[in-house]
Amino acid sequence: MAIKWIFCCINTVFINQLCTWLLYGELRDPYQEFFVYQMKKNDTSDTFISTPSSTTTCDKSLVSTLQQTPLDCGYNLNPNMIPYFIPLSLAQEILFIGKTVILFGFDPKKVKKNNSFTINRPMLTLQKIDADSRRFTIWEEKEAEFHEKLQKLKTIEVFEAYNLRGVVREIKECVTKHLWTVAVEEAHLLHELRLMKDFYLIGRGELFLELLRLTAPMLDRPTTRNSTRDMNHAFQLAARAVFLSNSADIEKFSFELPYVKPNISVNSSVEDDSSTVADGWSSIILKYDFKWPLHLLFAPEVLARYNDMFRLLLRIKKTQHDLHALWKTYKQSPRFTMCQLHNKLMFLMDNLQHYLQADVLETNFSRLMEAVNKTNDFEKLKKAHATFLADILSQSFLTVTSGDNDSGDTLDSINNPVFCNIMELLKLCHSFCSMSEFASDKEAEDYYIRGYSDRFNKLVKQLMQLLVSLRDRPCGVYLARLLMRLDYNRWLSGEAQLTQSVTNMLRY
């Protein structure tokens, strides 16, 4: 009897604190006895996530990473203080609900626009909305109902872990539904997702073709202090050329070309500040000024991954455009070997571009929009978007799961052999397109053509073997389409001197 009385006293304090946190986003814990604690200003481990996600279509760890959204509202979990009857997943849901209530307790119109949302930025200093308006907006008429259900858990006869989980799930469902309403209906999420496809995934091809025409020479060189300004000016000119300059959507996007100050040695000129560690193609960043509260979806890690896709697609589009521009030069050339190599390179780039745009981006984006239209839960929406991004990264060779690693960790593009092979092919295409700059006579051209042809055959053979080796991965279905396009008549297999055609290698 004494144990029950002690438990009831302790449980009363616990439920009161839980109720205050879940319904009002307030923490009254001066002695740090609750498992949610207020972080110090230099603690950057705060993330906006409820429960770990799982998926069968792409790498689980990558999806989980992309679902994590930094939100510096100042609260996190203390695992050592979680009661034994509350699993970690439930504790994360409780933390998620309180953070969401805090999120809607601030007025975004008072916040200075900041599209970077870096992890190390200071905690949000926002002006609070009236408490009654905030509670009515989130809970509508359910606040009293949730409060009563939580208070009933104070009695030892009613309190059970599954009863607590049930109440928390009901509150979370209400919170995520309201979050979905704000993101989809007020922030126009569907339109913003289409903008991400049009700009980051180069859906507006005519805009970026014009941009490449204006900026390709600048991107070929190392960045300078004026590169960002010149790039954004060219972007506005390109938008005007394709009649997009009056669109409000253009104003949401801007470019940055990071400048790294070179190390000036004794023998170098002080006036020479153009030599940096990278050119524009490898360092260009597309920035996006999104609406509140879409930072919960487009976290810094997510935007960084979108930029990885953008850089790859931009380089492929530029290479494809350069090869097509040479068609006028070589269409009537009497030199068969040069025309043949040009056609091979153009065939490869055209099929790679079609694979990425049609098989990868369009297919997965249609699946994403279908999933978004079917749910009114923000957590499911965020999971669908993370799955979409992880799928296109994997199918574009920007990430790959190591088959020998039981943990399922993903390798970045720099360690992905397929990505490295494609980059070598792009370099080969670039050298071929600029051959006239350093080949002064016919003998020199023949020398370079022979070297390029041998290099092409070697890279294609390596690419075919690598793609076939990935047929058992989740992206294998899409890779099979790419391989069949490249080797539909077994001609490329023969040119690459493979022992058997790709068609035969794809048979199980």
Protein backbone atom coordinates (compact mmCIF):
# COMPACT_ATOMS: atom_id res chain seq x y z
CA MET A 1 0.00 0.00 0.00
CA ALA A 2 2.86 2.36 0.83
CA ILE A 3 4.51 1.60 -2.52
CA LYS A 4 1.31 2.49 -4.36
CA TRP A 5 1.04 5.76 -2.44
CA ILE A 6 4.66 6.64 -3.28
CA PHE A 7 4.10 5.76 -6.96
CA CYS A 8 0.95 7.90 -7.13
CA CYS A 9 2.79 10.89 -5.67
CA ILE A 10 5.69 10.54 -8.10
CA ASN A 11 3.39 9.80 -11.03
CA THR A 12 1.32 12.92 -10.31
CA VAL A 13 4.39 15.12 -10.68
CA PHE A 14 5.44 13.25 -13.83
CA ILE A 15 2.03 13.55 -15.51
CA ASN A 16 1.75 17.24 -14.64
CA GLN A 17 5.13 17.92 -16.25
CA LEU A 18 4.23 15.73 -19.24
CA CYS A 19 0.92 17.55 -19.69
CA THR A 20 2.61 20.97 -19.55
CA TRP A 21 5.21 19.93 -22.12
CA LEU A 22 2.85 18.18 -24.55
CA LEU A 23 0.05 20.73 -24.58
CA TYR A 24 1.87 24.03 -24.04
CA GLY A 25 5.52 23.35 -24.93
CA GLU A 26 6.64 24.57 -21.51
CA LEU A 27 9.26 22.95 -19.29
CA ARG A 28 9.10 23.55 -15.53
CA ASP A 29 12.01 21.48 -14.31
CA PRO A 30 14.44 23.53 -12.19
CA TYR A 31 16.21 20.40 -10.89
CA GLN A 32 16.47 18.63 -14.28
CA GLU A 33 14.44 15.59 -13.27
CA PHE A 34 12.48 15.32 -16.54
CA PHE A 35 13.93 13.46 -19.55
CA VAL A 36 13.51 16.54 -21.74
CA TYR A 37 16.02 19.24 -20.90
CA GLN A 38 16.83 22.73 -22.10
CA MET A 39 20.15 22.88 -23.90
CA LYS A 40 22.89 25.40 -23.52
CA LYS A 41 23.55 27.86 -26.33
CA ASN A 42 26.69 26.07 -27.56
CA ASP A 43 24.92 22.68 -27.80
CA THR A 44 24.17 21.99 -31.50
CA SER A 45 22.80 18.45 -31.23
CA ASP A 46 19.19 19.57 -31.48
CA THR A 47 17.19 17.82 -34.20
CA PHE A 48 13.54 17.91 -35.15
CA ILE A 49 12.66 14.25 -35.50
CA SER A 50 10.14 11.95 -33.87
CA THR A 51 10.91 8.34 -34.73
CA PRO A 52 13.52 6.66 -36.93
CA SER A 53 12.17 5.85 -40.37
CA SER A 54 12.58 2.73 -42.44
CA THR A 55 12.12 1.98 -46.10
CA THR A 56 12.67 -0.87 -48.49
CA THR A 57 13.29 1.20 -51.61
CA CYS A 58 16.59 2.82 -50.65
CA ASP A 59 19.22 2.96 -47.96
CA LYS A 60 17.66 3.28 -44.49
CA SER A 61 20.46 5.23 -42.88
CA LEU A 62 20.38 7.86 -45.64
CA VAL A 63 16.60 8.29 -45.37
CA SER A 64 16.92 8.67 -41.60
CA THR A 65 19.65 11.29 -42.03
CA LEU A 66 17.59 13.25 -44.55
CA GLN A 67 14.58 13.21 -42.21
CA GLN A 68 16.51 14.88 -39.40
CA THR A 69 15.79 18.59 -39.32
CA PRO A 70 17.89 20.87 -37.13
CA LEU A 71 15.62 23.17 -35.12
CA ASP A 72 17.35 25.32 -32.54
CA CYS A 73 14.42 25.63 -30.17
CA GLY A 74 16.71 24.64 -27.31
CA TYR A 75 15.43 21.24 -26.10
CA ASN A 76 16.66 17.68 -26.37
CA LEU A 77 16.43 14.25 -24.72
CA ASN A 78 18.45 13.11 -21.72
CA PRO A 79 18.52 9.31 -22.20
CA ASN A 80 19.65 8.70 -18.61
CA MET A 81 16.43 10.24 -17.26
CA ILE A 82 13.95 8.31 -19.42
CA PRO A 83 11.76 6.07 -17.17
CA TYR A 84 12.09 2.35 -17.70
CA PHE A 85 8.48 2.02 -18.89
CA ILE A 86 8.93 4.59 -21.71
CA PRO A 87 10.80 3.26 -24.79
CA LEU A 88 13.13 5.57 -26.66
CA SER A 89 10.75 5.83 -29.63
CA LEU A 90 7.96 7.12 -27.36
CA ALA A 91 10.33 9.58 -25.69
CA GLN A 92 11.27 10.90 -29.14
CA GLU A 93 7.60 11.36 -29.99
CA ILE A 94 7.07 13.31 -26.75
CA LEU A 95 10.04 15.52 -27.60
CA PHE A 96 8.72 16.02 -31.13
CA ILE A 97 5.27 17.13 -29.92
CA GLY A 98 6.67 19.68 -27.48
CA LYS A 99 9.03 21.10 -30.10
CA THR A 100 6.19 21.42 -32.58
CA VAL A 101 4.07 23.30 -30.05
CA ILE A 102 7.03 25.62 -29.43
CA LEU A 103 7.44 26.06 -33.18
CA PHE A 104 3.87 27.33 -33.52
CA GLY A 105 4.35 29.52 -30.48
CA PHE A 106 6.45 31.95 -32.51
CA ASP A 107 5.52 34.46 -35.13
CA PRO A 108 7.57 33.80 -38.30
CA LYS A 109 6.83 37.30 -39.62
CA LYS A 110 9.07 38.71 -36.91
CA VAL A 111 12.03 36.64 -38.06
CA LYS A 112 14.58 38.08 -40.47
CA LYS A 113 14.66 35.93 -43.58
CA ASN A 114 17.60 33.55 -43.62
CA ASN A 115 17.82 30.92 -46.32
CA SER A 116 21.01 29.30 -45.10
CA PHE A 117 19.74 27.73 -41.83
CA THR A 118 23.21 26.60 -40.89
CA ILE A 119 23.53 24.20 -38.02
CA ASN A 120 25.77 26.51 -36.01
CA ARG A 121 23.48 29.53 -36.15
CA PRO A 122 22.24 30.97 -32.83
CA MET A 123 18.99 29.86 -31.28
CA LEU A 124 15.84 31.44 -32.61
CA THR A 125 14.86 34.67 -30.90
CA LEU A 126 11.29 35.08 -32.01
CA GLN A 127 8.32 36.99 -30.70
CA LYS A 128 5.65 34.82 -29.17
CA ILE A 129 2.05 34.82 -30.26
CA ASP A 130 -0.75 35.11 -27.74
CA ALA A 131 -0.94 31.82 -25.82
CA ASP A 132 -4.70 31.41 -26.21
CA SER A 133 -4.52 31.95 -29.97
CA ARG A 134 -1.70 29.45 -30.25
CA ARG A 135 -3.50 26.73 -28.31
CA PHE A 136 -6.73 27.23 -30.24
CA THR A 137 -4.86 27.08 -33.55
CA ILE A 138 -3.15 23.78 -32.75
CA TRP A 139 -5.70 21.92 -30.67
CA GLU A 140 -8.93 23.57 -31.89
CA GLU A 141 -11.43 22.08 -29.40
CA LYS A 142 -9.39 19.06 -28.29
CA GLU A 143 -7.19 20.67 -25.64
CA ALA A 144 -9.58 19.89 -22.79
CA GLU A 145 -10.04 16.33 -24.07
CA PHE A 146 -6.28 15.67 -24.19
CA HIS A 147 -5.80 17.29 -20.79
CA GLU A 148 -8.44 15.05 -19.24
CA LYS A 149 -6.95 11.89 -20.77
CA LEU A 150 -3.51 12.76 -19.40
CA GLN A 151 -4.89 13.54 -15.94
CA LYS A 152 -6.58 10.14 -15.79
CA LEU A 153 -3.14 8.52 -16.05
CA LYS A 154 -2.35 9.78 -12.55
CA THR A 155 -4.34 6.94 -10.98
CA ILE A 156 -2.45 3.69 -10.62
CA GLU A 157 -5.42 1.67 -11.91
CA VAL A 158 -5.45 3.53 -15.23
CA PHE A 159 -1.74 4.14 -15.73
CA GLU A 160 -0.18 1.64 -18.11
CA ALA A 161 2.54 2.13 -20.68
CA TYR A 162 0.22 1.29 -23.56
CA ASN A 163 -2.38 3.80 -22.29
CA LEU A 164 0.30 6.52 -22.19
CA ARG A 165 1.44 5.60 -25.70
CA GLY A 166 -2.14 5.77 -26.97
CA VAL A 167 -2.69 9.29 -25.61
CA VAL A 168 0.67 10.50 -26.96
CA ARG A 169 -0.13 9.07 -30.39
CA GLU A 170 -3.48 10.89 -30.45
CA ILE A 171 -1.80 14.18 -29.54
CA LYS A 172 0.92 13.62 -32.13
CA GLU A 173 -1.65 12.90 -34.83
CA CYS A 174 -3.38 16.20 -34.08
CA VAL A 175 -0.06 18.10 -34.12
CA THR A 176 1.22 16.57 -37.37
CA LYS A 177 -2.13 17.16 -39.07
CA HIS A 178 -1.95 20.84 -38.17
CA LEU A 179 1.68 20.99 -39.29
CA TRP A 180 0.65 19.44 -42.61
CA THR A 181 -2.09 22.05 -43.02
CA VAL A 182 0.35 24.90 -42.49
CA ALA A 183 3.01 23.42 -44.80
CA VAL A 184 0.75 22.29 -47.64
CA GLU A 185 -2.09 24.80 -47.64
CA GLU A 186 -0.47 27.95 -46.28
CA ALA A 187 3.16 27.50 -47.42
CA HIS A 188 2.05 25.86 -50.73
CA LEU A 189 4.35 22.88 -50.38
CA LEU A 190 3.27 21.22 -53.63
CA HIS A 191 4.24 24.31 -55.60
CA GLU A 192 7.56 24.53 -53.73
CA LEU A 193 8.34 20.89 -54.52
CA ARG A 194 7.74 21.59 -58.21
CA LEU A 195 10.11 24.54 -57.94
CA MET A 196 12.77 22.26 -56.46
CA LYS A 197 12.36 20.00 -59.48
CA ASP A 198 12.42 22.91 -61.96
CA PHE A 199 15.58 24.48 -60.54
CA TYR A 200 17.64 21.99 -58.51
CA LEU A 201 16.78 19.11 -60.86
CA ILE A 202 16.96 21.31 -63.99
CA GLY A 203 13.36 20.77 -65.00
CA ARG A 204 13.42 24.16 -66.75
CA GLY A 205 15.87 23.07 -69.41
CA GLU A 206 15.52 26.19 -71.56
CA LEU A 207 16.49 28.40 -68.61
CA PHE A 208 19.67 26.47 -67.85
CA LEU A 209 20.67 26.19 -71.50
CA GLU A 210 20.62 29.96 -71.69
CA LEU A 211 22.46 30.18 -68.37
CA LEU A 212 25.16 27.81 -69.62
CA ARG A 213 25.60 29.89 -72.74
CA LEU A 214 26.27 32.93 -70.56
CA THR A 215 28.37 31.38 -67.80
CA ALA A 216 30.22 28.32 -69.17
CA PRO A 217 33.53 30.17 -69.68
CA MET A 218 33.31 31.61 -66.17
CA LEU A 219 32.56 28.22 -64.58
CA ASP A 220 35.52 26.65 -66.39
CA ARG A 221 37.87 28.95 -64.48
CA PRO A 222 38.65 29.06 -60.75
CA THR A 223 36.27 31.24 -58.78
CA THR A 224 37.10 34.84 -57.95
CA ARG A 225 35.70 37.43 -55.58
CA ASN A 226 33.27 38.61 -58.26
CA SER A 227 32.07 35.20 -59.41
CA THR A 228 28.94 35.13 -57.23
CA ARG A 229 27.84 38.58 -58.41
CA ASP A 230 28.48 37.74 -62.07
CA MET A 231 26.67 34.40 -61.77
CA ASN A 232 23.53 35.95 -60.29
CA HIS A 233 23.55 38.69 -62.92
CA ALA A 234 23.76 36.05 -65.65
CA PHE A 235 20.93 34.16 -63.97
CA GLN A 236 18.68 37.22 -64.19
CA LEU A 237 19.63 37.72 -67.85
CA ALA A 238 18.86 34.06 -68.61
CA ALA A 239 15.48 34.33 -66.87
CA ARG A 240 14.69 37.44 -68.91
CA ALA A 241 15.66 35.66 -72.13
CA VAL A 242 13.16 32.84 -71.47
CA PHE A 243 10.47 35.23 -70.18
CA LEU A 244 10.75 34.28 -66.50
CA SER A 245 12.10 37.56 -65.16
CA ASN A 246 8.67 38.71 -63.92
CA SER A 247 8.03 35.47 -62.04
CA ALA A 248 8.17 35.72 -58.24
CA ASP A 249 9.63 32.22 -58.15
CA ILE A 250 12.90 33.40 -59.71
CA GLU A 251 13.50 35.67 -56.73
CA LYS A 252 13.57 32.64 -54.42
CA PHE A 253 16.74 31.27 -56.01
CA SER A 254 20.26 32.63 -56.15
CA PHE A 255 23.77 31.31 -56.75
CA GLU A 256 26.93 31.31 -54.71
CA LEU A 257 30.41 30.56 -56.01
CA PRO A 258 32.59 30.29 -52.88
CA TYR A 259 35.90 32.04 -53.20
CA VAL A 260 38.92 30.57 -51.42
CA LYS A 261 41.74 33.02 -51.04
CA PRO A 262 44.88 31.49 -52.59
CA ASN A 263 48.06 31.09 -50.66
CA ILE A 264 50.42 33.75 -51.97
CA SER A 265 53.97 32.45 -52.10
CA VAL A 266 57.10 34.51 -52.45
CA ASN A 267 57.43 33.70 -56.15
CA SER A 268 53.77 34.39 -57.03
CA SER A 269 52.22 37.69 -57.94
CA VAL A 270 50.12 39.43 -55.32
CA GLU A 271 47.76 40.68 -58.01
CA ASP A 272 46.96 37.17 -59.18
CA ASP A 273 43.94 36.16 -57.09
CA SER A 274 42.25 33.85 -59.58
CA SER A 275 44.00 30.63 -58.60
CA THR A 276 41.86 28.70 -56.17
CA VAL A 277 41.36 25.08 -55.23
CA ALA A 278 38.30 24.43 -57.41
CA ASP A 279 36.55 25.63 -60.53
CA GLY A 280 32.96 26.81 -60.72
CA TRP A 281 31.48 23.45 -61.77
CA SER A 282 32.57 21.70 -58.56
CA SER A 283 31.80 24.54 -56.14
CA ILE A 284 28.63 26.19 -57.43
CA ILE A 285 25.80 26.34 -54.88
CA LEU A 286 22.15 27.06 -55.66
CA LYS A 287 20.40 28.75 -52.73
CA TYR A 288 16.69 28.61 -52.01
CA ASP A 289 14.68 31.11 -49.97
CA PHE A 290 11.79 28.95 -48.77
CA LYS A 291 8.68 29.82 -46.82
CA TRP A 292 8.17 29.12 -43.14
CA PRO A 293 7.89 26.34 -41.89
CA LEU A 294 9.41 24.49 -44.86
CA HIS A 295 12.79 24.52 -43.11
CA LEU A 296 11.44 21.41 -41.37
CA LEU A 297 11.51 19.69 -44.77
CA PHE A 298 14.43 21.42 -46.51
CA ALA A 299 17.12 21.05 -43.86
CA PRO A 300 20.75 22.00 -44.58
CA GLU A 301 21.66 18.36 -45.25
CA VAL A 302 18.73 18.06 -47.69
CA LEU A 303 19.71 21.22 -49.60
CA ALA A 304 23.32 20.02 -49.72
CA ARG A 305 22.16 16.79 -51.36
CA TYR A 306 20.00 18.72 -53.81
CA ASN A 307 23.08 20.74 -54.72
CA ASP A 308 25.00 17.51 -55.37
CA MET A 309 22.30 16.53 -57.86
CA PHE A 310 22.29 20.02 -59.36
CA ARG A 311 26.04 20.03 -60.00
CA LEU A 312 25.92 16.60 -61.65
CA LEU A 313 22.95 17.45 -63.88
CA LEU A 314 24.44 20.82 -64.85
CA ARG A 315 27.74 19.27 -65.95
CA ILE A 316 26.00 16.57 -67.98
CA LYS A 317 23.74 19.13 -69.64
CA LYS A 318 26.71 21.34 -70.47
CA THR A 319 28.64 18.39 -71.93
CA GLN A 320 25.63 17.28 -73.97
CA HIS A 321 25.16 20.82 -75.30
CA ASP A 322 28.84 21.13 -76.27
CA LEU A 323 28.77 17.82 -78.15
CA HIS A 324 25.64 18.81 -80.06
CA ALA A 325 27.22 22.16 -80.90
CA LEU A 326 30.06 20.29 -82.64
CA TRP A 327 27.63 18.54 -84.95
CA LYS A 328 27.77 21.39 -87.46
CA THR A 329 31.55 21.13 -87.50
CA TYR A 330 31.81 17.38 -88.00
CA LYS A 331 28.66 16.53 -90.01
CA GLN A 332 30.47 16.97 -93.35
CA SER A 333 33.95 16.07 -92.17
CA PRO A 334 35.76 13.52 -94.36
CA ARG A 335 37.56 12.12 -91.31
CA PHE A 336 35.60 9.03 -90.34
CA THR A 337 37.38 8.29 -87.04
CA MET A 338 36.63 11.77 -85.66
CA CYS A 339 32.96 11.61 -86.66
CA GLN A 340 32.64 8.12 -85.23
CA LEU A 341 34.10 9.12 -81.86
CA HIS A 342 31.88 12.21 -81.79
CA ASN A 343 28.80 10.09 -82.42
CA LYS A 344 29.82 7.62 -79.71
CA LEU A 345 30.27 10.36 -77.13
CA MET A 346 27.01 12.04 -78.12
CA PHE A 347 25.13 8.73 -77.98
CA LEU A 348 26.44 8.02 -74.49
CA MET A 349 25.64 11.50 -73.11
CA ASP A 350 22.16 11.58 -74.67
CA ASN A 351 21.22 8.25 -73.11
CA LEU A 352 22.71 9.18 -69.74
CA GLN A 353 20.77 12.45 -69.76
CA HIS A 354 17.54 10.66 -70.73
CA TYR A 355 18.08 8.05 -68.03
CA LEU A 356 18.52 10.68 -65.31
CA GLN A 357 15.65 12.91 -66.39
CA ALA A 358 13.06 10.30 -67.42
CA ASP A 359 13.82 7.09 -65.54
CA VAL A 360 15.14 8.61 -62.31
CA LEU A 361 13.76 12.11 -61.75
CA GLU A 362 10.36 11.99 -63.44
CA THR A 363 9.51 8.53 -62.13
CA ASN A 364 10.49 9.24 -58.55
CA PHE A 365 8.95 12.72 -58.54
CA SER A 366 5.62 11.30 -59.72
CA ARG A 367 5.81 8.78 -56.89
CA LEU A 368 6.56 11.58 -54.41
CA MET A 369 3.61 13.72 -55.53
CA GLU A 370 1.32 10.70 -55.33
CA ALA A 371 2.46 10.02 -51.75
CA VAL A 372 2.04 13.68 -50.77
CA ASN A 373 -1.50 13.80 -52.16
CA LYS A 374 -2.49 10.66 -50.25
CA THR A 375 -1.56 11.80 -46.73
CA ASN A 376 -2.39 14.59 -44.31
CA ASP A 377 0.36 13.63 -41.86
CA PHE A 378 3.46 15.82 -41.95
CA GLU A 379 5.73 13.03 -40.67
CA LYS A 380 4.65 10.73 -43.52
CA LEU A 381 5.11 13.60 -45.94
CA LYS A 382 8.64 14.23 -44.67
CA LYS A 383 9.45 10.53 -44.91
CA ALA A 384 8.16 10.40 -48.51
CA HIS A 385 10.35 13.35 -49.44
CA ALA A 386 13.41 11.84 -47.74
CA THR A 387 12.78 8.57 -49.58
CA PHE A 388 12.46 10.45 -52.87
CA LEU A 389 15.75 12.25 -52.37
CA ALA A 390 17.57 9.12 -51.23
CA ASP A 391 16.27 7.20 -54.26
CA ILE A 392 17.38 9.76 -56.84
CA LEU A 393 20.79 10.08 -55.18
CA SER A 394 21.28 6.33 -55.25
CA GLN A 395 20.02 5.90 -58.82
CA SER A 396 22.21 8.83 -59.96
CA PHE A 397 25.33 7.16 -58.47
CA LEU A 398 25.86 9.95 -55.93
CA THR A 399 25.56 7.47 -53.08
CA VAL A 400 25.92 3.71 -52.94
CA THR A 401 25.46 1.26 -50.09
CA SER A 402 28.50 -0.87 -49.42
CA GLY A 403 27.56 -4.50 -49.87
CA ASP A 404 30.35 -5.64 -47.59
CA ASN A 405 29.32 -3.40 -44.73
CA ASP A 406 26.70 -4.92 -42.47
CA SER A 407 25.83 -1.53 -41.03
CA GLY A 408 24.51 -0.36 -44.40
CA ASP A 409 26.51 2.84 -44.40
CA THR A 410 26.46 4.89 -47.58
CA LEU A 411 29.51 5.99 -49.50
CA ASP A 412 29.66 9.50 -50.89
CA SER A 413 30.03 10.15 -54.60
CA ILE A 414 33.79 10.64 -54.30
CA ASN A 415 34.06 6.95 -53.29
CA ASN A 416 31.46 5.71 -55.78
CA PRO A 417 33.28 4.01 -58.69
CA VAL A 418 30.34 4.57 -61.08
CA PHE A 419 30.27 8.29 -60.33
CA CYS A 420 34.05 8.53 -60.76
CA ASN A 421 33.77 6.72 -64.09
CA ILE A 422 31.09 9.14 -65.31
CA MET A 423 33.23 12.09 -64.26
CA GLU A 424 36.11 10.68 -66.31
CA LEU A 425 33.80 10.35 -69.31
CA LEU A 426 32.69 13.96 -68.88
CA LYS A 427 36.34 15.05 -68.78
CA LEU A 428 36.99 13.04 -71.94
CA CYS A 429 34.06 14.76 -73.66
CA HIS A 430 35.34 18.16 -72.55
CA SER A 431 38.82 17.42 -73.90
CA PHE A 432 37.35 16.25 -77.20
CA CYS A 433 35.21 19.39 -77.55
CA SER A 434 38.21 21.64 -76.90
CA MET A 435 40.65 19.62 -79.04
CA SER A 436 40.85 22.35 -81.68
CA GLU A 437 42.49 24.64 -79.13
CA PHE A 438 45.64 22.51 -78.78
CA ALA A 439 45.70 20.30 -81.93
CA SER A 440 47.41 22.47 -84.50
CA ASP A 441 47.49 20.11 -87.50
CA LYS A 442 46.01 16.88 -88.86
CA GLU A 443 48.80 14.70 -87.46
CA ALA A 444 48.22 16.07 -83.96
CA GLU A 445 44.47 15.54 -84.31
CA ASP A 446 44.98 11.92 -85.34
CA TYR A 447 47.19 11.40 -82.31
CA TYR A 448 44.59 12.79 -79.94
CA ILE A 449 41.72 10.94 -81.62
CA ARG A 450 43.50 7.60 -81.16
CA GLY A 451 44.13 8.39 -77.50
CA TYR A 452 40.54 9.49 -76.92
CA SER A 453 39.15 6.39 -78.65
CA ASP A 454 41.25 4.04 -76.53
CA ARG A 455 40.30 5.95 -73.40
CA PHE A 456 36.61 5.86 -74.36
CA ASN A 457 36.62 2.09 -74.93
CA LYS A 458 38.37 1.51 -71.62
CA LEU A 459 35.94 3.72 -69.67
CA VAL A 460 32.86 2.24 -71.35
CA LYS A 461 34.03 -1.28 -70.60
CA GLN A 462 34.59 -0.34 -66.97
CA LEU A 463 31.21 1.42 -66.80
CA MET A 464 29.35 -1.57 -68.21
CA GLN A 465 30.95 -3.94 -65.73
CA LEU A 466 30.24 -1.63 -62.81
CA LEU A 467 26.59 -1.15 -63.76
CA VAL A 468 26.04 -4.87 -64.17
CA SER A 469 27.57 -5.46 -60.73
CA LEU A 470 24.88 -3.17 -59.24
CA ARG A 471 21.94 -5.08 -60.71
CA ASP A 472 21.12 -6.64 -57.30
CA ARG A 473 20.88 -3.22 -55.61
CA PRO A 474 17.58 -1.34 -55.17
CA CYS A 475 18.47 0.81 -58.19
CA GLY A 476 19.05 -2.25 -60.38
CA VAL A 477 15.71 -1.97 -62.18
CA TYR A 478 16.56 1.51 -63.43
CA LEU A 479 20.15 0.61 -64.26
CA ALA A 480 18.87 -2.23 -66.42
CA ARG A 481 17.00 0.35 -68.52
CA LEU A 482 20.15 2.43 -68.92
CA LEU A 483 22.22 -0.59 -69.85
CA MET A 484 19.68 -1.78 -72.40
CA ARG A 485 19.61 1.66 -74.02
CA LEU A 486 23.38 1.81 -74.22
CA ASP A 487 23.75 -1.71 -75.56
CA TYR A 488 20.41 -2.47 -77.20
CA ASN A 489 22.08 -3.92 -80.31
CA ARG A 490 25.22 -5.27 -78.57
CA TRP A 491 27.36 -2.85 -80.59
CA LEU A 492 28.77 -1.00 -77.61
CA SER A 493 29.70 -4.28 -75.93
CA GLY A 494 31.67 -5.21 -79.01
CA GLU A 495 33.38 -1.83 -79.17
CA ALA A 496 34.33 -2.09 -75.52
CA GLN A 497 35.64 -5.63 -76.20
CA LEU A 498 33.53 -7.26 -73.48
CA THR A 499 33.60 -11.05 -73.38
CA GLN A 500 29.78 -11.09 -73.56
CA SER A 501 27.08 -8.53 -74.22
CA VAL A 502 25.38 -6.60 -71.46
CA THR A 503 22.10 -8.26 -72.42
CA ASN A 504 23.55 -11.66 -71.56
CA MET A 505 25.15 -10.37 -68.36
CA LEU A 506 21.80 -9.06 -67.11
CA ARG A 507 20.28 -12.55 -67.32
CA TYR A 508 20.12 -14.33 -63.98
